C-alpha atoms as a PDB file:
ATOM      1  CA  MET A   1     -95.073-175.967 -39.023  1.00  0.00           C
ATOM      2  CA  ALA A   2     -96.865-177.976 -36.332  1.00  0.00           C
ATOM      3  CA  GLY A   3     -96.399-176.922 -32.724  1.00  0.00           C
ATOM      4  CA  GLY A   4     -94.523-173.738 -33.642  1.00  0.00           C
ATOM      5  CA  LYS A   5     -91.316-175.699 -34.140  1.00  0.00           C
ATOM      6  CA  GLU A   6     -88.879-174.547 -36.773  1.00  0.00           C
ATOM      7  CA  PRO A   7     -88.481-176.863 -39.776  1.00  0.00           C
ATOM      8  CA  ILE A   8     -85.291-178.910 -39.855  1.00  0.00           C
ATOM      9  CA  GLU A   9     -83.226-178.816 -43.042  1.00  0.00           C
ATOM     10  CA  VAL A  10     -81.713-182.187 -43.950  1.00  0.00           C
ATOM     11  CA  ARG A  11     -79.400-183.357 -46.720  1.00  0.00           C
ATOM     12  CA  PHE A  12     -78.952-187.080 -47.423  1.00  0.00           C
ATOM     13  CA  ARG A  13     -75.415-188.104 -48.412  1.00  0.00           C
ATOM     14  CA  LEU A  14     -75.265-191.252 -50.541  1.00  0.00           C
ATOM     15  CA  PHE A  15     -72.443-193.812 -50.531  1.00  0.00           C
ATOM     16  CA  ASP A  16     -70.705-192.195 -53.505  1.00  0.00           C
ATOM     17  CA  GLY A  17     -70.720-188.682 -52.040  1.00  0.00           C
ATOM     18  CA  THR A  18     -73.704-187.343 -53.980  1.00  0.00           C
ATOM     19  CA  ASP A  19     -76.591-185.735 -52.125  1.00  0.00           C
ATOM     20  CA  ILE A  20     -80.370-185.768 -52.114  1.00  0.00           C
ATOM     21  CA  GLY A  21     -81.648-182.433 -50.855  1.00  0.00           C
ATOM     22  CA  PRO A  22     -81.356-180.392 -48.742  1.00  0.00           C
ATOM     23  CA  THR A  23     -85.068-180.250 -47.939  1.00  0.00           C
ATOM     24  CA  LYS A  24     -86.907-178.846 -44.915  1.00  0.00           C
ATOM     25  CA  TYR A  25     -88.971-181.186 -42.747  1.00  0.00           C
ATOM     26  CA  ASP A  26     -91.316-180.764 -39.826  1.00  0.00           C
ATOM     27  CA  PRO A  27     -89.607-182.013 -36.629  1.00  0.00           C
ATOM     28  CA  SER A  28     -92.450-184.556 -36.198  1.00  0.00           C
ATOM     29  CA  THR A  29     -91.523-186.328 -39.474  1.00  0.00           C
ATOM     30  CA  THR A  30     -90.619-189.965 -38.823  1.00  0.00           C
ATOM     31  CA  VAL A  31     -87.407-191.626 -39.968  1.00  0.00           C
ATOM     32  CA  SER A  32     -89.579-194.041 -41.961  1.00  0.00           C
ATOM     33  CA  ALA A  33     -91.100-191.085 -43.865  1.00  0.00           C
ATOM     34  CA  LEU A  34     -87.590-189.745 -44.545  1.00  0.00           C
ATOM     35  CA  LYS A  35     -86.638-193.130 -46.029  1.00  0.00           C
ATOM     36  CA  GLU A  36     -89.731-193.026 -48.271  1.00  0.00           C
ATOM     37  CA  PHE A  37     -88.636-189.573 -49.462  1.00  0.00           C
ATOM     38  CA  ILE A  38     -85.148-190.904 -50.265  1.00  0.00           C
ATOM     39  CA  LEU A  39     -86.531-193.957 -52.078  1.00  0.00           C
ATOM     40  CA  ALA A  40     -88.808-191.770 -54.227  1.00  0.00           C
ATOM     41  CA  ARG A  41     -85.924-189.474 -55.186  1.00  0.00           C
ATOM     42  CA  TRP A  42     -83.167-192.045 -55.598  1.00  0.00           C
ATOM     43  CA  PRO A  43     -81.018-191.140 -58.637  1.00  0.00           C
ATOM     44  CA  GLN A  44     -81.747-193.429 -61.584  1.00  0.00           C
ATOM     45  CA  ASP A  45     -78.117-193.531 -62.717  1.00  0.00           C
ATOM     46  CA  LYS A  46     -76.855-195.437 -59.650  1.00  0.00           C
ATOM     47  CA  ASP A  47     -75.742-199.074 -60.004  1.00  0.00           C
ATOM     48  CA  ILE A  48     -76.790-199.774 -56.420  1.00  0.00           C
ATOM     49  CA  ALA A  49     -80.398-198.877 -55.649  1.00  0.00           C
ATOM     50  CA  PRO A  50     -82.679-199.774 -52.752  1.00  0.00           C
ATOM     51  CA  LYS A  51     -85.912-201.600 -53.580  1.00  0.00           C
ATOM     52  CA  THR A  52     -87.769-200.804 -50.338  1.00  0.00           C
ATOM     53  CA  VAL A  53     -87.328-198.568 -47.292  1.00  0.00           C
ATOM     54  CA  ASN A  54     -86.108-201.672 -45.435  1.00  0.00           C
ATOM     55  CA  ASP A  55     -83.019-201.611 -47.675  1.00  0.00           C
ATOM     56  CA  LEU A  56     -82.038-198.191 -46.272  1.00  0.00           C
ATOM     57  CA  LYS A  57     -80.347-197.153 -43.063  1.00  0.00           C
ATOM     58  CA  LEU A  58     -79.977-193.515 -42.020  1.00  0.00           C
ATOM     59  CA  ILE A  59     -77.019-192.481 -39.902  1.00  0.00           C
ATOM     60  CA  ASN A  60     -76.791-189.186 -38.039  1.00  0.00           C
ATOM     61  CA  ALA A  61     -73.719-188.385 -35.921  1.00  0.00           C
ATOM     62  CA  GLY A  62     -72.679-192.043 -35.961  1.00  0.00           C
ATOM     63  CA  ARG A  63     -76.067-193.364 -34.798  1.00  0.00           C
ATOM     64  CA  ILE A  64     -78.361-195.585 -36.875  1.00  0.00           C
ATOM     65  CA  LEU A  65     -81.807-193.991 -36.721  1.00  0.00           C
ATOM     66  CA  GLU A  66     -84.879-196.038 -35.800  1.00  0.00           C
ATOM     67  CA  ASN A  67     -87.877-195.967 -38.170  1.00  0.00           C
ATOM     68  CA  ASN A  68     -90.439-195.113 -35.492  1.00  0.00           C
ATOM     69  CA  ARG A  69     -88.498-192.095 -34.151  1.00  0.00           C
ATOM     70  CA  THR A  70     -89.187-188.548 -35.260  1.00  0.00           C
ATOM     71  CA  LEU A  71     -86.652-186.214 -36.772  1.00  0.00           C
ATOM     72  CA  ALA A  72     -86.717-184.119 -33.578  1.00  0.00           C
ATOM     73  CA  GLU A  73     -85.928-187.219 -31.485  1.00  0.00           C
ATOM     74  CA  SER A  74     -83.176-188.322 -33.866  1.00  0.00           C
ATOM     75  CA  ARG A  75     -81.210-185.119 -34.217  1.00  0.00           C
ATOM     76  CA  VAL A  76     -78.079-184.465 -32.225  1.00  0.00           C
ATOM     77  CA  PRO A  77     -78.060-180.803 -31.182  1.00  0.00           C
ATOM     78  CA  VAL A  78     -74.408-180.764 -30.109  1.00  0.00           C
ATOM     79  CA  GLY A  79     -72.368-178.900 -32.705  1.00  0.00           C
ATOM     80  CA  GLU A  80     -75.338-177.959 -34.874  1.00  0.00           C
ATOM     81  CA  VAL A  81     -75.481-174.406 -36.132  1.00  0.00           C
ATOM     82  CA  PRO A  82     -78.944-172.839 -35.736  1.00  0.00           C
ATOM     83  CA  GLY A  83     -80.549-172.764 -39.160  1.00  0.00           C
ATOM     84  CA  GLY A  84     -77.834-175.057 -40.542  1.00  0.00           C
ATOM     85  CA  VAL A  85     -78.296-178.127 -42.691  1.00  0.00           C
ATOM     86  CA  ILE A  86     -78.021-181.571 -41.057  1.00  0.00           C
ATOM     87  CA  THR A  87     -76.267-184.157 -43.217  1.00  0.00           C
ATOM     88  CA  MET A  88     -77.456-187.731 -42.729  1.00  0.00           C
ATOM     89  CA  HIS A  89     -75.625-190.601 -44.345  1.00  0.00           C
ATOM     90  CA  VAL A  90     -77.553-193.220 -46.290  1.00  0.00           C
ATOM     91  CA  VAL A  91     -76.453-196.851 -46.295  1.00  0.00           C
ATOM     92  CA  VAL A  92     -78.002-199.304 -48.749  1.00  0.00           C
ATOM     93  CA  ARG A  93     -78.315-202.943 -47.749  1.00  0.00           C
ATOM     94  CA  PRO A  94     -76.632-205.124 -50.366  1.00  0.00           C
ATOM     95  CA  PRO A  95     -79.008-207.266 -52.418  1.00  0.00           C
ATOM     96  CA  GLN A  96     -79.826-210.569 -50.782  1.00  0.00           C
ATOM     97  CA  ALA A  97     -78.898-213.801 -52.537  1.00  0.00           C
ATOM     98  CA  ASP A  98     -81.688-215.815 -54.078  1.00  0.00           C
ATOM     99  CA  LYS A  99     -82.933-218.213 -51.391  1.00  0.00           C
ATOM    100  CA  ASN A 100     -83.313-220.996 -53.963  1.00  0.00           C
ATOM    101  CA  SER A 101     -79.670-220.895 -54.962  1.00  0.00           C
ATOM    102  CA  GLY A 102     -77.042-222.880 -53.158  1.00  0.00           C
ATOM    103  CA  ILE A 103     -74.115-221.561 -51.172  1.00  0.00           C
ATOM    104  CA  ALA A 104     -71.789-222.420 -54.043  1.00  0.00           C
ATOM    105  CA  ASP A 105     -73.523-219.765 -56.155  1.00  0.00           C
ATOM    106  CA  ASN A 106     -72.671-217.057 -53.631  1.00  0.00           C
ATOM    107  CA  PHE A 107     -69.215-217.953 -52.430  1.00  0.00           C
ATOM    108  CA  SER A 108     -66.073-219.473 -53.821  1.00  0.00           C
ATOM    109  CA  LEU A 109     -65.511-222.731 -51.998  1.00  0.00           C
ATOM    110  CA  LEU A 110     -62.143-224.252 -51.283  1.00  0.00           C
ATOM    111  CA  TYR A 111     -62.024-227.981 -50.760  1.00  0.00           C
ATOM    112  CA  ILE A 112     -58.868-229.543 -49.367  1.00  0.00           C
ATOM    113  CA  SER A 113     -58.535-233.264 -48.951  1.00  0.00           C
ATOM    114  CA  PHE A 114     -55.962-234.784 -46.634  1.00  0.00           C
ATOM    115  CA  SER A 115     -55.023-238.418 -47.262  1.00  0.00           C
END
């Protein structure tokens, strides 16, 4: 791999406990590229599915990873076993409500009148 760095093996854990991977990546791979990988391999049988990479958040060791960072910059070496697999958690942003619909379509409203 580039720069003589060892590839980093990553597994992506979805919200229901299933995994994508593990797969080896060059340490210079960006978080945005990892999200594209996840989006392309998202299981078709899931009720909740991201539409774009912006619908995904990656979490490693309790930190939300920034899109412009590389895998090498985003990893937390404390507690990692050399040659071990890093598990990153994937969070999917819930679908946004249609902007043309009113608030009543999205929430149950309670109206109380005092006389």
